[in-house]
Amino acid sequence: MRYRTPRRRFIAAHGALRKLLGAYLGLHPSEVAFVHNEFGKPALIGAGPGQFGGRLSFNLSHSGDLALIGIALDAEIGVDVEYIRDEPDFAEIAGWFFAAEEVEELNRLPDELRGRAFLSGWTRTEAYAKARGAGLGGMDEMGQPQDWSLYVLEPAAGYVGAVVVEGSGWRVTHRHAPLEER
């Protein structure tokens, strides 16, 4: 079912996150509490009696009618998803956040491929920043990329996404769970 407003999408995505975390923690979704750092990265408060305790890291992203939730045990995680679209500001944004080589490569693409390519790069950048718990402005101080694993996703037709997890050797499992609008 399609969510008609951004607010309803936000509520549905956060409700799904609480339900998933509650299942891991042995808590009712209403008992799952968050705190956010200065850049907005969420963490659990009072992780509850479940076997995972305070060892879960999680992240949420939503765009269009899709939400992407990442949950990891004993490692930081960041996720990002974007609905593929063309925007006139992509080139300017890329100039601010992408390496010069990436911007040149993006500019060499035909117009019809540029939106998807930009958003694919953007989701990788955003997921990495979110995993680190730093805003995009702190990208220069983010550590070594080899300490992180990157997984590029196409979670649904018309969307691109990325998952970044601390460390290596991860197995990424994808589950699709349609949400019901109330």
Protein backbone atom coordinates (compact mmCIF):
# COMPACT_ATOMS: atom_id res chain seq x y z
CA MET A 1 0.00 0.00 0.00
CA ARG A 2 1.29 3.46 -0.84
CA TYR A 3 1.78 6.01 1.91
CA ARG A 4 0.28 9.31 0.88
CA THR A 5 2.38 11.74 2.87
CA PRO A 6 6.00 11.95 4.00
CA ARG A 7 4.80 12.05 7.62
CA ARG A 8 2.95 8.74 7.23
CA ARG A 9 6.01 7.19 5.56
CA PHE A 10 8.16 8.41 8.45
CA ILE A 11 5.76 6.96 11.04
CA ALA A 12 5.50 3.63 9.20
CA ALA A 13 9.29 3.30 8.84
CA HIS A 14 9.97 4.12 12.48
CA GLY A 15 7.17 1.79 13.59
CA ALA A 16 8.74 -1.05 11.59
CA LEU A 17 12.13 -0.26 13.14
CA ARG A 18 10.70 -0.38 16.67
CA LYS A 19 8.94 -3.67 15.89
CA LEU A 20 12.15 -5.28 14.57
CA LEU A 21 14.30 -4.03 17.44
CA GLY A 22 11.66 -5.07 19.95
CA ALA A 23 11.72 -8.60 18.51
CA TYR A 24 15.51 -8.76 18.93
CA LEU A 25 15.41 -7.32 22.44
CA GLY A 26 12.38 -9.12 23.82
CA LEU A 27 10.53 -5.83 24.27
CA HIS A 28 7.21 -4.46 23.12
CA PRO A 29 7.86 -1.94 20.30
CA SER A 30 6.60 0.89 22.54
CA GLU A 31 9.37 0.07 25.05
CA VAL A 32 12.18 0.55 22.52
CA ALA A 33 13.84 3.90 23.29
CA PHE A 34 16.48 5.79 21.32
CA VAL A 35 19.02 8.50 21.88
CA HIS A 36 20.69 10.38 19.02
CA ASN A 37 24.21 11.75 18.81
CA GLU A 38 24.94 15.27 17.58
CA PHE A 39 24.75 14.10 13.95
CA GLY A 40 21.48 12.20 14.41
CA LYS A 41 22.85 8.64 14.63
CA PRO A 42 20.47 6.64 16.81
CA ALA A 43 21.41 4.23 19.59
CA LEU A 44 19.34 2.18 21.98
CA ILE A 45 18.64 3.28 25.53
CA GLY A 46 18.16 0.51 28.11
CA ALA A 47 18.50 -2.35 25.66
CA GLY A 48 16.31 -4.65 27.70
CA PRO A 49 16.53 -8.23 28.85
CA GLY A 50 16.92 -9.90 25.43
CA GLN A 51 19.99 -11.93 24.57
CA PHE A 52 21.43 -9.09 22.48
CA GLY A 53 21.43 -6.49 25.24
CA GLY A 54 23.37 -3.37 24.30
CA ARG A 55 25.18 -5.09 21.43
CA LEU A 56 22.84 -4.05 18.61
CA SER A 57 23.59 -1.22 16.22
CA PHE A 58 20.94 -0.12 13.76
CA ASN A 59 20.18 2.45 11.13
CA LEU A 60 17.19 3.54 9.06
CA SER A 61 16.76 5.33 5.76
CA HIS A 62 13.65 5.98 3.71
CA SER A 63 12.94 7.47 0.33
CA GLY A 64 9.78 7.46 -1.74
CA ASP A 65 7.69 4.48 -0.65
CA LEU A 66 10.61 2.38 0.63
CA ALA A 67 12.39 2.11 3.96
CA LEU A 68 15.70 0.34 4.52
CA ILE A 69 16.61 -0.87 8.00
CA GLY A 70 20.00 -2.25 8.92
CA ILE A 71 20.73 -4.11 12.16
CA ALA A 72 24.15 -5.45 13.16
CA LEU A 73 25.47 -7.24 16.22
CA ASP A 74 28.70 -5.93 17.79
CA ALA A 75 29.46 -3.56 14.90
CA GLU A 76 28.40 -0.14 13.70
CA ILE A 77 26.13 0.00 10.66
CA GLY A 78 24.84 2.67 8.30
CA VAL A 79 22.27 2.40 5.52
CA ASP A 80 20.92 4.68 2.85
CA VAL A 81 18.29 4.26 0.15
CA GLU A 82 17.22 6.64 -2.59
CA TYR A 83 14.42 6.66 -5.12
CA ILE A 84 16.05 7.12 -8.54
CA ARG A 85 15.20 10.50 -9.99
CA ASP A 86 16.86 13.33 -11.88
CA GLU A 87 17.57 16.59 -10.09
CA PRO A 88 19.35 19.64 -11.47
CA ASP A 89 21.49 20.02 -8.31
CA PHE A 90 23.18 16.59 -8.55
CA ALA A 91 26.32 17.95 -10.25
CA GLU A 92 26.77 20.68 -7.64
CA ILE A 93 26.22 18.26 -4.74
CA ALA A 94 28.68 15.78 -6.27
CA GLY A 95 31.27 18.56 -6.45
CA TRP A 96 30.97 19.08 -2.70
CA PHE A 97 31.00 15.47 -1.52
CA PHE A 98 32.56 13.22 -4.18
CA ALA A 99 36.21 12.80 -5.10
CA ALA A 100 37.31 14.70 -8.22
CA GLU A 101 37.63 11.45 -10.20
CA GLU A 102 34.06 10.47 -9.28
CA VAL A 103 32.74 13.87 -10.40
CA GLU A 104 34.59 13.58 -13.73
CA GLU A 105 33.21 10.07 -14.27
CA LEU A 106 29.70 11.27 -13.44
CA ASN A 107 29.96 14.19 -15.86
CA ARG A 108 31.06 11.86 -18.70
CA LEU A 109 27.84 9.83 -18.44
CA PRO A 110 24.87 10.44 -20.72
CA ASP A 111 22.16 12.56 -19.08
CA GLU A 112 19.75 9.63 -18.75
CA LEU A 113 22.25 7.66 -16.61
CA ARG A 114 23.51 10.50 -14.46
CA GLY A 115 20.72 10.50 -11.82
CA ARG A 116 21.09 6.79 -11.06
CA ALA A 117 24.89 7.02 -10.98
CA PHE A 118 24.85 10.05 -8.68
CA LEU A 119 22.36 8.44 -6.29
CA SER A 120 24.31 5.20 -6.23
CA GLY A 121 27.43 7.12 -5.19
CA TRP A 122 25.43 9.23 -2.76
CA THR A 123 23.99 6.20 -0.94
CA ARG A 124 27.51 4.80 -0.45
CA THR A 125 28.75 8.13 0.93
CA GLU A 126 25.73 8.61 3.18
CA ALA A 127 25.75 5.02 4.51
CA TYR A 128 29.45 5.35 5.39
CA ALA A 129 28.91 8.65 7.20
CA LYS A 130 25.94 7.18 9.09
CA ALA A 131 27.87 4.05 10.08
CA ARG A 132 30.63 6.25 11.48
CA GLY A 133 28.10 8.36 13.36
CA ALA A 134 29.47 11.53 11.78
CA GLY A 135 27.78 14.02 9.54
CA LEU A 136 28.85 14.47 5.95
CA GLY A 137 30.93 17.44 7.05
CA GLY A 138 33.14 15.08 9.08
CA MET A 139 34.06 12.86 6.12
CA ASP A 140 37.72 13.96 6.19
CA GLU A 141 38.20 12.47 9.66
CA MET A 142 36.40 9.20 9.13
CA GLY A 143 39.17 6.62 9.31
CA GLN A 144 40.27 4.04 6.82
CA PRO A 145 37.71 2.65 4.36
CA GLN A 146 39.34 -0.80 4.58
CA ASP A 147 38.02 -1.04 8.16
CA TRP A 148 34.47 -1.10 6.75
CA SER A 149 32.48 -3.35 4.43
CA LEU A 150 30.31 -1.83 1.71
CA TYR A 151 27.33 -3.59 0.16
CA VAL A 152 25.59 -1.95 -2.80
CA LEU A 153 21.89 -2.78 -3.11
CA GLU A 154 19.01 -2.50 -5.51
CA PRO A 155 16.34 -3.07 -2.86
CA ALA A 156 13.42 -2.57 -5.25
CA ALA A 157 12.80 -1.48 -8.81
CA GLY A 158 13.60 2.21 -9.13
CA TYR A 159 15.74 2.40 -5.98
CA VAL A 160 19.43 2.20 -5.10
CA GLY A 161 20.88 1.64 -1.67
CA ALA A 162 23.97 0.86 0.33
CA VAL A 163 24.89 -0.78 3.62
CA VAL A 164 28.18 -0.08 5.39
CA VAL A 165 29.20 -2.27 8.33
CA GLU A 166 32.24 -2.04 10.57
CA GLY A 167 34.73 -4.84 9.92
CA SER A 168 34.62 -7.59 7.31
CA GLY A 169 33.17 -11.02 6.68
CA TRP A 170 29.53 -9.98 7.02
CA ARG A 171 26.61 -11.77 5.44
CA VAL A 172 23.88 -9.38 4.38
CA THR A 173 20.37 -10.81 4.46
CA HIS A 174 17.55 -9.03 2.66
CA ARG A 175 13.96 -9.40 3.75
CA HIS A 176 11.05 -7.59 2.18
CA ALA A 177 8.23 -6.72 4.55
CA PRO A 178 5.35 -4.67 3.18
CA LEU A 179 3.90 -2.24 5.67
CA GLU A 180 0.21 -1.73 6.18
CA GLU A 181 -1.16 1.77 6.37
CA ARG A 182 -3.51 2.40 9.26
